[in-house]
Amino acid sequence: DLARAAIDGDAQTVWSPGAFTTADLDGSGGVGLLLDLGEVREVRGLTLRLVRGGPDVALYALLDEPDVRDGVEPLGDPLTVQRGVRSVQRMEYSPVEARWWLVWVTGVSPTPVGTFTIEVADPSVLGPG
């Protein structure tokens, strides 16, 4: 399971949705990494660690597991939207209680071989205060 590589504690393993021919994910509208905290927790931020910076991401906090097969519009507004995310990007906001955290990627970075992707290694949540 590729998503497990994002949270295995090893910065050398990553989650990636694969390669795209354009920075807008070939017009797909986005792709997401869903994080399950196991229980509802208060979170005030998320730190993303990426192989290379540059992607555009939105962050959603949810009490119930989302179904994103039809996109993220039914989820409402994201907590934060970040464009041109750095290789280590800390995203902070007012504390929110949720179990499920969706990192929704709408733009990806160029690779040395001429394709575009995002590679996430060990995101971490920031607890209260």
Protein backbone atom coordinates (compact mmCIF):
# COMPACT_ATOMS: atom_id res chain seq x y z
CA ASP A 1 0.00 0.00 0.00
CA LEU A 2 1.69 3.21 -1.21
CA ALA A 3 0.01 5.46 1.36
CA ARG A 4 1.67 3.54 4.21
CA ALA A 5 5.07 4.63 2.87
CA ALA A 6 4.14 8.23 3.72
CA ILE A 7 3.73 7.45 7.42
CA ASP A 8 6.20 4.65 8.12
CA GLY A 9 8.75 6.85 9.93
CA ASP A 10 11.31 6.38 7.15
CA ALA A 11 12.08 9.58 5.20
CA GLN A 12 13.49 7.42 2.38
CA THR A 13 10.08 5.93 1.55
CA VAL A 14 7.36 8.13 0.09
CA TRP A 15 3.77 8.24 -1.12
CA SER A 16 3.38 9.36 -4.70
CA PRO A 17 0.35 9.25 -7.00
CA GLY A 18 2.68 8.54 -9.92
CA ALA A 19 3.94 10.63 -12.81
CA PHE A 20 1.90 13.15 -14.80
CA THR A 21 2.67 14.87 -18.09
CA THR A 22 1.45 18.30 -16.85
CA ALA A 23 1.68 20.23 -13.57
CA ASP A 24 -2.14 20.23 -13.26
CA LEU A 25 -2.19 16.42 -12.88
CA ASP A 26 -3.19 15.99 -16.53
CA GLY A 27 -6.43 17.91 -15.86
CA SER A 28 -7.69 15.36 -13.30
CA GLY A 29 -8.70 18.01 -10.74
CA GLY A 30 -6.57 16.57 -7.99
CA VAL A 31 -5.40 13.56 -6.04
CA GLY A 32 -5.26 13.04 -2.30
CA LEU A 33 -3.44 11.42 0.57
CA LEU A 34 -5.87 10.48 3.36
CA LEU A 35 -4.46 10.34 6.89
CA ASP A 36 -6.36 8.49 9.64
CA LEU A 37 -5.39 9.53 13.17
CA GLY A 38 -7.31 6.53 14.58
CA GLU A 39 -9.51 8.74 16.74
CA VAL A 40 -10.74 12.31 16.85
CA ARG A 41 -7.88 14.55 17.96
CA GLU A 42 -7.38 18.29 18.24
CA VAL A 43 -4.87 19.40 15.64
CA ARG A 44 -3.54 22.91 14.98
CA GLY A 45 -1.35 22.17 12.01
CA LEU A 46 0.37 19.74 9.70
CA THR A 47 3.96 19.55 8.55
CA LEU A 48 4.49 18.13 5.07
CA ARG A 49 7.85 16.72 4.07
CA LEU A 50 8.35 16.44 0.32
CA VAL A 51 11.12 15.15 -1.91
CA ARG A 52 10.91 18.43 -3.86
CA GLY A 53 8.98 21.62 -3.26
CA GLY A 54 6.55 23.37 -5.57
CA PRO A 55 3.21 21.54 -5.45
CA ASP A 56 -0.16 23.11 -4.61
CA VAL A 57 -2.15 21.49 -1.80
CA ALA A 58 -5.35 21.97 0.18
CA LEU A 59 -5.93 20.49 3.62
CA TYR A 60 -9.29 19.16 4.83
CA ALA A 61 -10.24 18.05 8.37
CA LEU A 62 -13.11 15.55 8.65
CA LEU A 63 -14.86 13.59 11.37
CA ASP A 64 -15.96 10.81 8.99
CA GLU A 65 -13.98 9.02 6.29
CA PRO A 66 -14.57 10.94 3.06
CA ASP A 67 -15.46 9.57 -0.35
CA VAL A 68 -13.56 11.66 -2.88
CA ARG A 69 -14.36 9.67 -6.02
CA ASP A 70 -16.36 12.67 -7.24
CA GLY A 71 -13.85 15.29 -6.09
CA VAL A 72 -13.59 17.35 -2.93
CA GLU A 73 -16.39 19.87 -3.53
CA PRO A 74 -18.84 17.98 -1.25
CA LEU A 75 -16.33 18.35 1.62
CA GLY A 76 -16.77 22.12 1.83
CA ASP A 77 -13.97 24.62 2.19
CA PRO A 78 -10.46 23.44 3.01
CA LEU A 79 -8.77 24.60 6.22
CA THR A 80 -5.90 25.98 4.21
CA VAL A 81 -4.68 26.14 0.63
CA GLN A 82 -0.96 26.43 -0.03
CA ARG A 83 0.58 27.12 -3.43
CA GLY A 84 4.21 26.34 -4.18
CA VAL A 85 4.69 24.27 -1.01
CA ARG A 86 8.30 24.08 0.20
CA SER A 87 10.05 20.74 0.72
CA VAL A 88 9.30 21.10 4.44
CA GLN A 89 6.06 23.05 4.80
CA ARG A 90 4.37 23.75 8.12
CA MET A 91 0.69 24.64 7.74
CA GLU A 92 -0.93 26.07 10.88
CA TYR A 93 -4.51 27.11 11.64
CA SER A 94 -6.91 27.43 14.58
CA PRO A 95 -7.21 24.09 16.41
CA VAL A 96 -9.70 21.68 14.81
CA GLU A 97 -11.00 18.35 16.07
CA ALA A 98 -11.06 15.61 13.44
CA ARG A 99 -10.00 12.02 12.82
CA TRP A 100 -9.47 12.16 9.04
CA TRP A 101 -7.08 14.58 7.33
CA LEU A 102 -7.02 14.86 3.55
CA VAL A 103 -4.03 16.39 1.78
CA TRP A 104 -5.57 17.26 -1.60
CA VAL A 105 -2.98 17.95 -4.31
CA THR A 106 -4.01 20.19 -7.23
CA GLY A 107 -0.61 20.95 -8.71
CA VAL A 108 2.59 18.89 -8.85
CA SER A 109 6.31 19.62 -9.27
CA PRO A 110 8.55 18.96 -12.26
CA THR A 111 10.95 16.02 -12.00
CA PRO A 112 14.43 15.73 -13.53
CA VAL A 113 13.05 13.38 -16.22
CA GLY A 114 10.46 15.83 -17.58
CA THR A 115 7.35 14.54 -15.81
CA PHE A 116 5.47 16.00 -12.82
CA THR A 117 4.71 14.46 -9.41
CA ILE A 118 4.57 14.89 -5.66
CA GLU A 119 6.37 12.62 -3.19
CA VAL A 120 5.33 12.86 0.47
CA ALA A 121 7.49 11.45 3.27
CA ASP A 122 6.25 11.36 6.86
CA PRO A 123 3.73 14.17 7.33
CA SER A 124 3.17 15.02 10.98
CA VAL A 125 0.30 16.66 12.84
CA LEU A 126 0.81 19.45 15.37
CA GLY A 127 -1.15 18.96 18.55
CA PRO A 128 -2.79 21.58 20.72
CA GLY A 129 -0.81 24.60 21.98
